Amino acid sequence: PSGDMEIVHFERQPSAGNHSIRRVFETVREALPKHLYPKV
């Protein structure tokens, strides 16, 4: 299939001390191809 695609990342609501998963997937979102549009 062709065209751009939106990928939605579902994460837990931010709270004190819970940053590890958010930081991991911030890194992943930076590396996604341009035709993939992430939303959190």
PDB file of all heavy atoms in Angstrom:
ATOM      1  N   PRO A   1       0.791  -1.210   0.000  1.00  0.00           N
ATOM      2  CA  PRO A   1       0.000   0.000   0.000  1.00  0.00           C
ATOM      3  C   PRO A   1       0.839   1.284   0.000  1.00  0.00           C
ATOM      4  O   PRO A   1       1.963   1.278   0.449  1.00  0.00           O
ATOM      5  CB  PRO A   1      -0.792  -0.099   1.305  1.00  0.00           C
ATOM      6  CG  PRO A   1       0.063  -0.932   2.194  1.00  0.00           C
ATOM      7  CD  PRO A   1       0.736  -1.938   1.276  1.00  0.00           C
ATOM      8  N   SER A   2       0.242   2.356  -0.500  1.00  0.00           N
ATOM      9  CA  SER A   2       0.990   3.595  -0.657  1.00  0.00           C
ATOM     10  C   SER A   2       0.397   4.706   0.194  1.00  0.00           C
ATOM     11  O   SER A   2      -0.668   4.586   0.754  1.00  0.00           O
ATOM     12  CB  SER A   2       0.965   4.008  -2.137  1.00  0.00           C
ATOM     13  OG  SER A   2      -0.367   4.226  -2.553  1.00  0.00           O
ATOM     14  N   GLY A   3       1.113   5.812   0.225  1.00  0.00           N
ATOM     15  CA  GLY A   3       0.605   6.986   0.919  1.00  0.00           C
ATOM     16  C   GLY A   3       1.132   7.100   2.333  1.00  0.00           C
ATOM     17  O   GLY A   3       1.774   6.210   2.869  1.00  0.00           O
ATOM     18  N   ASP A   4       0.842   8.235   2.954  1.00  0.00           N
ATOM     19  CA  ASP A   4       1.265   8.484   4.320  1.00  0.00           C
ATOM     20  C   ASP A   4       0.367   7.724   5.293  1.00  0.00           C
ATOM     21  O   ASP A   4      -0.758   7.373   4.989  1.00  0.00           O
ATOM     22  CB  ASP A   4       1.195   9.984   4.616  1.00  0.00           C
ATOM     23  CG  ASP A   4       2.138  10.780   3.729  1.00  0.00           C
ATOM     24  OD1 ASP A   4       3.152  10.205   3.305  1.00  0.00           O
ATOM     25  OD2 ASP A   4       1.846  11.954   3.457  1.00  0.00           O
ATOM     26  N   MET A   5       0.897   7.512   6.483  1.00  0.00           N
ATOM     27  CA  MET A   5       0.150   6.768   7.492  1.00  0.00           C
ATOM     28  C   MET A   5       0.357   7.399   8.868  1.00  0.00           C
ATOM     29  O   MET A   5       1.467   7.773   9.229  1.00  0.00           O
ATOM     30  CB  MET A   5       0.615   5.308   7.522  1.00  0.00           C
ATOM     31  CG  MET A   5      -0.064   4.471   8.604  1.00  0.00           C
ATOM     32  SD  MET A   5       0.594   2.786   8.692  1.00  0.00           S
ATOM     33  CE  MET A   5      -0.050   2.112   7.174  1.00  0.00           C
ATOM     34  N   GLU A   6      -0.726   7.512   9.614  1.00  0.00           N
ATOM     35  CA  GLU A   6      -0.643   8.003  10.987  1.00  0.00           C
ATOM     36  C   GLU A   6      -0.514   6.816  11.936  1.00  0.00           C
ATOM     37  O   GLU A   6      -1.294   5.869  11.872  1.00  0.00           O
ATOM     38  CB  GLU A   6      -1.897   8.801  11.344  1.00  0.00           C
ATOM     39  CG  GLU A   6      -1.864   9.341  12.779  1.00  0.00           C
ATOM     40  CD  GLU A   6      -3.134  10.073  13.148  1.00  0.00           C
ATOM     41  OE1 GLU A   6      -4.207   9.449  13.131  1.00  0.00           O
ATOM     42  OE2 GLU A   6      -3.046  11.278  13.438  1.00  0.00           O
ATOM     43  N   ILE A   7       0.487   6.874  12.795  1.00  0.00           N
ATOM     44  CA  ILE A   7       0.666   5.873  13.839  1.00  0.00           C
ATOM     45  C   ILE A   7       0.427   6.546  15.186  1.00  0.00           C
ATOM     46  O   ILE A   7       1.077   7.537  15.512  1.00  0.00           O
ATOM     47  CB  ILE A   7       2.077   5.268  13.799  1.00  0.00           C
ATOM     48  CG1 ILE A   7       2.291   4.502  12.490  1.00  0.00           C
ATOM     49  CG2 ILE A   7       2.294   4.341  14.989  1.00  0.00           C
ATOM     50  CD1 ILE A   7       3.633   3.825  12.381  1.00  0.00           C
ATOM     51  N   VAL A   8      -0.511   6.008  15.947  1.00  0.00           N
ATOM     52  CA  VAL A   8      -0.833   6.584  17.252  1.00  0.00           C
ATOM     53  C   VAL A   8      -0.160   5.760  18.338  1.00  0.00           C
ATOM     54  O   VAL A   8      -0.338   4.540  18.406  1.00  0.00           O
ATOM     55  CB  VAL A   8      -2.358   6.616  17.486  1.00  0.00           C
ATOM     56  CG1 VAL A   8      -2.664   7.290  18.822  1.00  0.00           C
ATOM     57  CG2 VAL A   8      -3.056   7.358  16.354  1.00  0.00           C
ATOM     58  N   HIS A   9       0.627   6.432  19.162  1.00  0.00           N
ATOM     59  CA  HIS A   9       1.266   5.795  20.316  1.00  0.00           C
ATOM     60  C   HIS A   9       0.446   6.081  21.565  1.00  0.00           C
ATOM     61  O   HIS A   9       0.249   7.250  21.938  1.00  0.00           O
ATOM     62  CB  HIS A   9       2.690   6.334  20.502  1.00  0.00           C
ATOM     63  CG  HIS A   9       3.679   5.731  19.572  1.00  0.00           C
ATOM     64  ND1 HIS A   9       5.006   6.110  19.516  1.00  0.00           N
ATOM     65  CD2 HIS A   9       3.561   4.740  18.644  1.00  0.00           C
ATOM     66  CE1 HIS A   9       5.642   5.400  18.607  1.00  0.00           C
ATOM     67  NE2 HIS A   9       4.787   4.576  18.061  1.00  0.00           N
ATOM     68  N   PHE A  10      -0.025   5.040  22.207  1.00  0.00           N
ATOM     69  CA  PHE A  10      -0.780   5.177  23.449  1.00  0.00           C
ATOM     70  C   PHE A  10       0.163   4.929  24.625  1.00  0.00           C
ATOM     71  O   PHE A  10       0.733   3.845  24.758  1.00  0.00           O
ATOM     72  CB  PHE A  10      -1.952   4.199  23.478  1.00  0.00           C
ATOM     73  CG  PHE A  10      -3.023   4.529  22.477  1.00  0.00           C
ATOM     74  CD1 PHE A  10      -2.950   4.024  21.185  1.00  0.00           C
ATOM     75  CD2 PHE A  10      -4.072   5.366  22.815  1.00  0.00           C
ATOM     76  CE1 PHE A  10      -3.929   4.336  20.249  1.00  0.00           C
ATOM     77  CE2 PHE A  10      -5.051   5.692  21.882  1.00  0.00           C
ATOM     78  CZ  PHE A  10      -4.983   5.174  20.597  1.00  0.00           C
ATOM     79  N   GLU A  11       0.317   5.953  25.460  1.00  0.00           N
ATOM     80  CA  GLU A  11       1.211   5.881  26.612  1.00  0.00           C
ATOM     81  C   GLU A  11       0.432   6.194  27.887  1.00  0.00           C
ATOM     82  O   GLU A  11      -0.645   6.796  27.841  1.00  0.00           O
ATOM     83  CB  GLU A  11       2.341   6.912  26.484  1.00  0.00           C
ATOM     84  CG  GLU A  11       3.231   6.733  25.276  1.00  0.00           C
ATOM     85  CD  GLU A  11       4.332   7.797  25.218  1.00  0.00           C
ATOM     86  OE1 GLU A  11       4.294   8.736  26.045  1.00  0.00           O
ATOM     87  OE2 GLU A  11       5.216   7.686  24.351  1.00  0.00           O
ATOM     88  N   ARG A  12       1.009   5.839  29.025  1.00  0.00           N
ATOM     89  CA  ARG A  12       0.385   6.213  30.293  1.00  0.00           C
ATOM     90  C   ARG A  12       0.504   7.709  30.491  1.00  0.00           C
ATOM     91  O   ARG A  12       1.436   8.356  30.009  1.00  0.00           O
ATOM     92  CB  ARG A  12       1.038   5.466  31.449  1.00  0.00           C
ATOM     93  CG  ARG A  12       2.513   5.796  31.653  1.00  0.00           C
ATOM     94  CD  ARG A  12       3.149   4.848  32.642  1.00  0.00           C
ATOM     95  NE  ARG A  12       4.593   4.999  32.674  1.00  0.00           N
ATOM     96  CZ  ARG A  12       5.426   4.100  33.173  1.00  0.00           C
ATOM     97  NH1 ARG A  12       4.962   2.987  33.679  1.00  0.00           N
ATOM     98  NH2 ARG A  12       6.728   4.309  33.171  1.00  0.00           N
ATOM     99  N   GLN A  13      -0.450   8.251  31.210  1.00  0.00           N
ATOM    100  CA  GLN A  13      -0.450   9.675  31.523  1.00  0.00           C
ATOM    101  C   GLN A  13       0.795  10.017  32.322  1.00  0.00           C
ATOM    102  O   GLN A  13       1.162   9.289  33.243  1.00  0.00           O
ATOM    103  CB  GLN A  13      -1.706   9.995  32.352  1.00  0.00           C
ATOM    104  CG  GLN A  13      -2.095  11.438  32.405  1.00  0.00           C
ATOM    105  CD  GLN A  13      -3.489  11.597  32.969  1.00  0.00           C
ATOM    106  OE1 GLN A  13      -4.423  10.973  32.496  1.00  0.00           O
ATOM    107  NE2 GLN A  13      -3.607  12.408  33.989  1.00  0.00           N
ATOM    108  N   PRO A  14       1.500  11.088  31.975  1.00  0.00           N
ATOM    109  CA  PRO A  14       2.748  11.418  32.679  1.00  0.00           C
ATOM    110  C   PRO A  14       2.536  11.614  34.178  1.00  0.00           C
ATOM    111  O   PRO A  14       1.523  12.162  34.620  1.00  0.00           O
ATOM    112  CB  PRO A  14       3.177  12.737  32.012  1.00  0.00           C
ATOM    113  CG  PRO A  14       2.519  12.732  30.676  1.00  0.00           C
ATOM    114  CD  PRO A  14       1.200  12.043  30.883  1.00  0.00           C
ATOM    115  N   SER A  15       3.497  11.153  34.945  1.00  0.00           N
ATOM    116  CA  SER A  15       3.495  11.367  36.391  1.00  0.00           C
ATOM    117  C   SER A  15       4.932  11.319  36.881  1.00  0.00           C
ATOM    118  O   SER A  15       5.833  10.849  36.175  1.00  0.00           O
ATOM    119  CB  SER A  15       2.651  10.300  37.103  1.00  0.00           C
ATOM    120  OG  SER A  15       3.137   9.004  36.829  1.00  0.00           O
ATOM    121  N   ALA A  16       5.145  11.807  38.072  1.00  0.00           N
ATOM    122  CA  ALA A  16       6.496  11.902  38.620  1.00  0.00           C
ATOM    123  C   ALA A  16       7.159  10.530  38.679  1.00  0.00           C
ATOM    124  O   ALA A  16       6.581   9.561  39.171  1.00  0.00           O
ATOM    125  CB  ALA A  16       6.451  12.513  40.020  1.00  0.00           C
ATOM    126  N   GLY A  17       8.360  10.455  38.140  1.00  0.00           N
ATOM    127  CA  GLY A  17       9.145   9.227  38.215  1.00  0.00           C
ATOM    128  C   GLY A  17       8.894   8.225  37.112  1.00  0.00           C
ATOM    129  O   GLY A  17       9.607   7.228  37.013  1.00  0.00           O
ATOM    130  N   ASN A  18       7.880   8.470  36.268  1.00  0.00           N
ATOM    131  CA  ASN A  18       7.571   7.534  35.187  1.00  0.00           C
ATOM    132  C   ASN A  18       7.932   8.156  33.843  1.00  0.00           C
ATOM    133  O   ASN A  18       7.088   8.755  33.175  1.00  0.00           O
ATOM    134  CB  ASN A  18       6.078   7.163  35.200  1.00  0.00           C
ATOM    135  CG  ASN A  18       5.712   6.322  36.407  1.00  0.00           C
ATOM    136  OD1 ASN A  18       6.534   5.574  36.909  1.00  0.00           O
ATOM    137  ND2 ASN A  18       4.478   6.442  36.866  1.00  0.00           N
ATOM    138  N   HIS A  19       9.193   8.019  33.457  1.00  0.00           N
ATOM    139  CA  HIS A  19       9.657   8.660  32.228  1.00  0.00           C
ATOM    140  C   HIS A  19      10.318   7.688  31.258  1.00  0.00           C
ATOM    141  O   HIS A  19      10.521   8.035  30.093  1.00  0.00           O
ATOM    142  CB  HIS A  19      10.679   9.760  32.559  1.00  0.00           C
ATOM    143  CG  HIS A  19      10.182  10.770  33.540  1.00  0.00           C
ATOM    144  ND1 HIS A  19       9.105  11.588  33.294  1.00  0.00           N
ATOM    145  CD2 HIS A  19      10.621  11.089  34.795  1.00  0.00           C
ATOM    146  CE1 HIS A  19       8.897  12.384  34.339  1.00  0.00           C
ATOM    147  NE2 HIS A  19       9.796  12.096  35.261  1.00  0.00           N
ATOM    148  N   SER A  20      10.661   6.487  31.705  1.00  0.00           N
ATOM    149  CA  SER A  20      11.502   5.606  30.897  1.00  0.00           C
ATOM    150  C   SER A  20      10.854   5.221  29.574  1.00  0.00           C
ATOM    151  O   SER A  20      11.481   5.326  28.509  1.00  0.00           O
ATOM    152  CB  SER A  20      11.858   4.345  31.689  1.00  0.00           C
ATOM    153  OG  SER A  20      10.682   3.683  32.133  1.00  0.00           O
ATOM    154  N   ILE A  21       9.606   4.768  29.605  1.00  0.00           N
ATOM    155  CA  ILE A  21       8.940   4.339  28.367  1.00  0.00           C
ATOM    156  C   ILE A  21       8.726   5.525  27.448  1.00  0.00           C
ATOM    157  O   ILE A  21       8.917   5.424  26.228  1.00  0.00           O
ATOM    158  CB  ILE A  21       7.608   3.643  28.689  1.00  0.00           C
ATOM    159  CG1 ILE A  21       7.879   2.333  29.438  1.00  0.00           C
ATOM    160  CG2 ILE A  21       6.814   3.373  27.409  1.00  0.00           C
ATOM    161  CD1 ILE A  21       6.633   1.616  29.913  1.00  0.00           C
ATOM    162  N   ARG A  22       8.341   6.657  28.008  1.00  0.00           N
ATOM    163  CA  ARG A  22       8.139   7.857  27.195  1.00  0.00           C
ATOM    164  C   ARG A  22       9.418   8.235  26.474  1.00  0.00           C
ATOM    165  O   ARG A  22       9.411   8.543  25.273  1.00  0.00           O
ATOM    166  CB  ARG A  22       7.670   9.021  28.074  1.00  0.00           C
ATOM    167  CG  ARG A  22       7.525  10.339  27.306  1.00  0.00           C
ATOM    168  CD  ARG A  22       7.094  11.461  28.228  1.00  0.00           C
ATOM    169  NE  ARG A  22       8.018  11.676  29.328  1.00  0.00           N
ATOM    170  CZ  ARG A  22       9.162  12.344  29.220  1.00  0.00           C
ATOM    171  NH1 ARG A  22       9.541  12.844  28.043  1.00  0.00           N
ATOM    172  NH2 ARG A  22       9.939  12.509  30.271  1.00  0.00           N
ATOM    173  N   ARG A  23      10.552   8.181  27.149  1.00  0.00           N
ATOM    174  CA  ARG A  23      11.830   8.542  26.542  1.00  0.00           C
ATOM    175  C   ARG A  23      12.225   7.555  25.452  1.00  0.00           C
ATOM    176  O   ARG A  23      12.750   7.938  24.405  1.00  0.00           O
ATOM    177  CB  ARG A  23      12.918   8.623  27.619  1.00  0.00           C
ATOM    178  CG  ARG A  23      12.736   9.794  28.587  1.00  0.00           C
ATOM    179  CD  ARG A  23      13.842   9.807  29.625  1.00  0.00           C
ATOM    180  NE  ARG A  23      15.156   9.946  29.000  1.00  0.00           N
ATOM    181  CZ  ARG A  23      16.237   9.273  29.365  1.00  0.00           C
ATOM    182  NH1 ARG A  23      16.179   8.392  30.360  1.00  0.00           N
ATOM    183  NH2 ARG A  23      17.382   9.466  28.759  1.00  0.00           N
ATOM    184  N   VAL A  24      11.959   6.269  25.686  1.00  0.00           N
ATOM    185  CA  VAL A  24      12.275   5.260  24.672  1.00  0.00           C
ATOM    186  C   VAL A  24      11.520   5.550  23.384  1.00  0.00           C
ATOM    187  O   VAL A  24      12.100   5.547  22.286  1.00  0.00           O
ATOM    188  CB  VAL A  24      11.922   3.843  25.187  1.00  0.00           C
ATOM    189  CG1 VAL A  24      11.863   2.844  24.030  1.00  0.00           C
ATOM    190  CG2 VAL A  24      12.945   3.385  26.221  1.00  0.00           C
ATOM    191  N   PHE A  25      10.239   5.828  23.492  1.00  0.00           N
ATOM    192  CA  PHE A  25       9.445   5.985  22.269  1.00  0.00           C
ATOM    193  C   PHE A  25       9.538   7.384  21.676  1.00  0.00           C
ATOM    194  O   PHE A  25       9.208   7.575  20.506  1.00  0.00           O
ATOM    195  CB  PHE A  25       8.011   5.529  22.509  1.00  0.00           C
ATOM    196  CG  PHE A  25       7.907   4.029  22.448  1.00  0.00           C
ATOM    197  CD1 PHE A  25       8.078   3.261  23.587  1.00  0.00           C
ATOM    198  CD2 PHE A  25       7.720   3.389  21.234  1.00  0.00           C
ATOM    199  CE1 PHE A  25       8.028   1.873  23.522  1.00  0.00           C
ATOM    200  CE2 PHE A  25       7.672   2.016  21.154  1.00  0.00           C
ATOM    201  CZ  PHE A  25       7.829   1.254  22.298  1.00  0.00           C
ATOM    202  N   GLU A  26      10.024   8.337  22.426  1.00  0.00           N
ATOM    203  CA  GLU A  26      10.414   9.605  21.804  1.00  0.00           C
ATOM    204  C   GLU A  26      11.556   9.347  20.828  1.00  0.00           C
ATOM    205  O   GLU A  26      11.603   9.907  19.726  1.00  0.00           O
ATOM    206  CB  GLU A  26      10.854  10.605  22.876  1.00  0.00           C
ATOM    207  CG  GLU A  26       9.705  11.254  23.630  1.00  0.00           C
ATOM    208  CD  GLU A  26      10.191  12.192  24.727  1.00  0.00           C
ATOM    209  OE1 GLU A  26      11.409  12.188  25.007  1.00  0.00           O
ATOM    210  OE2 GLU A  26       9.366  12.891  25.314  1.00  0.00           O
ATOM    211  N   THR A  27      12.490   8.489  21.232  1.00  0.00           N
ATOM    212  CA  THR A  27      13.611   8.119  20.370  1.00  0.00           C
ATOM    213  C   THR A  27      13.117   7.386  19.125  1.00  0.00           C
ATOM    214  O   THR A  27      13.577   7.646  18.009  1.00  0.00           O
ATOM    215  CB  THR A  27      14.596   7.230  21.149  1.00  0.00           C
ATOM    216  OG1 THR A  27      15.036   7.920  22.326  1.00  0.00           O
ATOM    217  CG2 THR A  27      15.801   6.873  20.305  1.00  0.00           C
ATOM    218  N   VAL A  28      12.172   6.472  19.306  1.00  0.00           N
ATOM    219  CA  VAL A  28      11.623   5.726  18.174  1.00  0.00           C
ATOM    220  C   VAL A  28      10.915   6.672  17.203  1.00  0.00           C
ATOM    221  O   VAL A  28      11.077   6.568  15.981  1.00  0.00           O
ATOM    222  CB  VAL A  28      10.643   4.646  18.664  1.00  0.00           C
ATOM    223  CG1 VAL A  28       9.907   3.999  17.492  1.00  0.00           C
ATOM    224  CG2 VAL A  28      11.381   3.578  19.472  1.00  0.00           C
ATOM    225  N   ARG A  29      10.138   7.612  17.732  1.00  0.00           N
ATOM    226  CA  ARG A  29       9.399   8.535  16.860  1.00  0.00           C
ATOM    227  C   ARG A  29      10.339   9.400  16.028  1.00  0.00           C
ATOM    228  O   ARG A  29      10.047   9.729  14.881  1.00  0.00           O
ATOM    229  CB  ARG A  29       8.449   9.402  17.691  1.00  0.00           C
ATOM    230  CG  ARG A  29       7.239   8.638  18.210  1.00  0.00           C
ATOM    231  CD  ARG A  29       6.222   9.540  18.847  1.00  0.00           C
ATOM    232  NE  ARG A  29       6.612  10.021  20.159  1.00  0.00           N
ATOM    233  CZ  ARG A  29       6.372   9.382  21.298  1.00  0.00           C
ATOM    234  NH1 ARG A  29       5.756   8.200  21.291  1.00  0.00           N
ATOM    235  NH2 ARG A  29       6.734   9.888  22.464  1.00  0.00           N
ATOM    236  N   GLU A  30      11.485   9.734  16.603  1.00  0.00           N
ATOM    237  CA  GLU A  30      12.472  10.516  15.857  1.00  0.00           C
ATOM    238  C   GLU A  30      13.009   9.735  14.659  1.00  0.00           C
ATOM    239  O   GLU A  30      13.443  10.321  13.662  1.00  0.00           O
ATOM    240  CB  GLU A  30      13.634  10.900  16.778  1.00  0.00           C
ATOM    241  CG  GLU A  30      13.296  11.952  17.822  1.00  0.00           C
ATOM    242  CD  GLU A  30      13.088  13.323  17.209  1.00  0.00           C
ATOM    243  OE1 GLU A  30      13.711  13.608  16.172  1.00  0.00           O
ATOM    244  OE2 GLU A  30      12.281  14.105  17.758  1.00  0.00           O
ATOM    245  N   ALA A  31      13.007   8.407  14.758  1.00  0.00           N
ATOM    246  CA  ALA A  31      13.607   7.568  13.722  1.00  0.00           C
ATOM    247  C   ALA A  31      12.603   7.068  12.687  1.00  0.00           C
ATOM    248  O   ALA A  31      12.996   6.415  11.718  1.00  0.00           O
ATOM    249  CB  ALA A  31      14.298   6.367  14.377  1.00  0.00           C
ATOM    250  N   LEU A  32      11.321   7.362  12.854  1.00  0.00           N
ATOM    251  CA  LEU A  32      10.324   6.874  11.904  1.00  0.00           C
ATOM    252  C   LEU A  32      10.519   7.508  10.527  1.00  0.00           C
ATOM    253  O   LEU A  32      10.896   8.676  10.420  1.00  0.00           O
ATOM    254  CB  LEU A  32       8.917   7.196  12.408  1.00  0.00           C
ATOM    255  CG  LEU A  32       8.388   6.359  13.576  1.00  0.00           C
ATOM    256  CD1 LEU A  32       7.061   6.916  14.060  1.00  0.00           C
ATOM    257  CD2 LEU A  32       8.236   4.902  13.173  1.00  0.00           C
ATOM    258  N   PRO A  33      10.251   6.773   9.460  1.00  0.00           N
ATOM    259  CA  PRO A  33      10.317   7.343   8.116  1.00  0.00           C
ATOM    260  C   PRO A  33       9.361   8.531   7.982  1.00  0.00           C
ATOM    261  O   PRO A  33       8.372   8.622   8.705  1.00  0.00           O
ATOM    262  CB  PRO A  33       9.871   6.174   7.222  1.00  0.00           C
ATOM    263  CG  PRO A  33      10.130   4.950   8.029  1.00  0.00           C
ATOM    264  CD  PRO A  33       9.905   5.337   9.455  1.00  0.00           C
ATOM    265  N   LYS A  34       9.636   9.397   7.021  1.00  0.00           N
ATOM    266  CA  LYS A  34       8.871  10.636   6.888  1.00  0.00           C
ATOM    267  C   LYS A  34       7.405  10.400   6.553  1.00  0.00           C
ATOM    268  O   LYS A  34       6.559  11.240   6.849  1.00  0.00           O
ATOM    269  CB  LYS A  34       9.518  11.526   5.827  1.00  0.00           C
ATOM    270  CG  LYS A  34      10.878  12.080   6.236  1.00  0.00           C
ATOM    271  CD  LYS A  34      11.453  13.005   5.176  1.00  0.00           C
ATOM    272  CE  LYS A  34      12.797  13.576   5.618  1.00  0.00           C
ATOM    273  NZ  LYS A  34      13.388  14.461   4.592  1.00  0.00           N
ATOM    274  N   HIS A  35       7.102   9.278   5.895  1.00  0.00           N
ATOM    275  CA  HIS A  35       5.715   9.037   5.518  1.00  0.00           C
ATOM    276  C   HIS A  35       4.894   8.437   6.654  1.00  0.00           C
ATOM    277  O   HIS A  35       3.703   8.176   6.496  1.00  0.00           O
ATOM    278  CB  HIS A  35       5.637   8.122   4.287  1.00  0.00           C
ATOM    279  CG  HIS A  35       6.341   6.814   4.473  1.00  0.00           C
ATOM    280  ND1 HIS A  35       7.692   6.667   4.289  1.00  0.00           N
ATOM    281  CD2 HIS A  35       5.869   5.603   4.823  1.00  0.00           C
ATOM    282  CE1 HIS A  35       8.033   5.408   4.515  1.00  0.00           C
ATOM    283  NE2 HIS A  35       6.950   4.744   4.845  1.00  0.00           N
ATOM    284  N   LEU A  36       5.509   8.239   7.825  1.00  0.00           N
ATOM    285  CA  LEU A  36       4.784   7.791   9.004  1.00  0.00           C
ATOM    286  C   LEU A  36       4.668   8.951   9.978  1.00  0.00           C
ATOM    287  O   LEU A  36       5.670   9.532  10.385  1.00  0.00           O
ATOM    288  CB  LEU A  36       5.509   6.619   9.670  1.00  0.00           C
ATOM    289  CG  LEU A  36       5.684   5.358   8.824  1.00  0.00           C
ATOM    290  CD1 LEU A  36       6.371   4.273   9.634  1.00  0.00           C
ATOM    291  CD2 LEU A  36       4.352   4.854   8.295  1.00  0.00           C
ATOM    292  N   TYR A  37       3.439   9.295  10.344  1.00  0.00           N
ATOM    293  CA  TYR A  37       3.201  10.451  11.199  1.00  0.00           C
ATOM    294  C   TYR A  37       2.757   9.990  12.583  1.00  0.00           C
ATOM    295  O   TYR A  37       1.638   9.505  12.753  1.00  0.00           O
ATOM    296  CB  TYR A  37       2.127  11.356  10.584  1.00  0.00           C
ATOM    297  CG  TYR A  37       2.589  12.041   9.328  1.00  0.00           C
ATOM    298  CD1 TYR A  37       2.452  11.429   8.084  1.00  0.00           C
ATOM    299  CD2 TYR A  37       3.196  13.291   9.380  1.00  0.00           C
ATOM    300  CE1 TYR A  37       2.893  12.049   6.927  1.00  0.00           C
ATOM    301  CE2 TYR A  37       3.645  13.920   8.228  1.00  0.00           C
ATOM    302  CZ  TYR A  37       3.488  13.295   7.004  1.00  0.00           C
ATOM    303  OH  TYR A  37       3.937  13.907   5.857  1.00  0.00           O
ATOM    304  N   PRO A  38       3.626  10.122  13.588  1.00  0.00           N
ATOM    305  CA  PRO A  38       3.249   9.666  14.929  1.00  0.00           C
ATOM    306  C   PRO A  38       2.416  10.695  15.689  1.00  0.00           C
ATOM    307  O   PRO A  38       2.592  11.900  15.547  1.00  0.00           O
ATOM    308  CB  PRO A  38       4.612   9.481  15.616  1.00  0.00           C
ATOM    309  CG  PRO A  38       5.506  10.488  14.951  1.00  0.00           C
ATOM    310  CD  PRO A  38       5.023  10.585  13.525  1.00  0.00           C
ATOM    311  N   LYS A  39       1.484  10.189  16.461  1.00  0.00           N
ATOM    312  CA  LYS A  39       0.698  11.015  17.378  1.00  0.00           C
ATOM    313  C   LYS A  39       0.711  10.322  18.727  1.00  0.00           C
ATOM    314  O   LYS A  39       0.634   9.089  18.795  1.00  0.00           O
ATOM    315  CB  LYS A  39      -0.745  11.161  16.879  1.00  0.00           C
ATOM    316  CG  LYS A  39      -1.620  11.993  17.810  1.00  0.00           C
ATOM    317  CD  LYS A  39      -3.019  12.213  17.218  1.00  0.00           C
ATOM    318  CE  LYS A  39      -3.902  11.017  17.402  1.00  0.00           C
ATOM    319  NZ  LYS A  39      -5.319  11.283  17.027  1.00  0.00           N
ATOM    320  N   VAL A  40       0.828  11.080  19.814  1.00  0.00           N
ATOM    321  CA  VAL A  40       0.879  10.495  21.152  1.00  0.00           C
ATOM    322  C   VAL A  40      -0.427  10.778  21.882  1.00  0.00           C
ATOM    323  O   VAL A  40      -0.905  11.917  21.910  1.00  0.00           O
ATOM    324  CB  VAL A  40       2.065  11.071  21.961  1.00  0.00           C
ATOM    325  CG1 VAL A  40       2.092  10.471  23.369  1.00  0.00           C
ATOM    326  CG2 VAL A  40       3.380  10.803  21.245  1.00  0.00           C
TER     327      VAL A  40
END
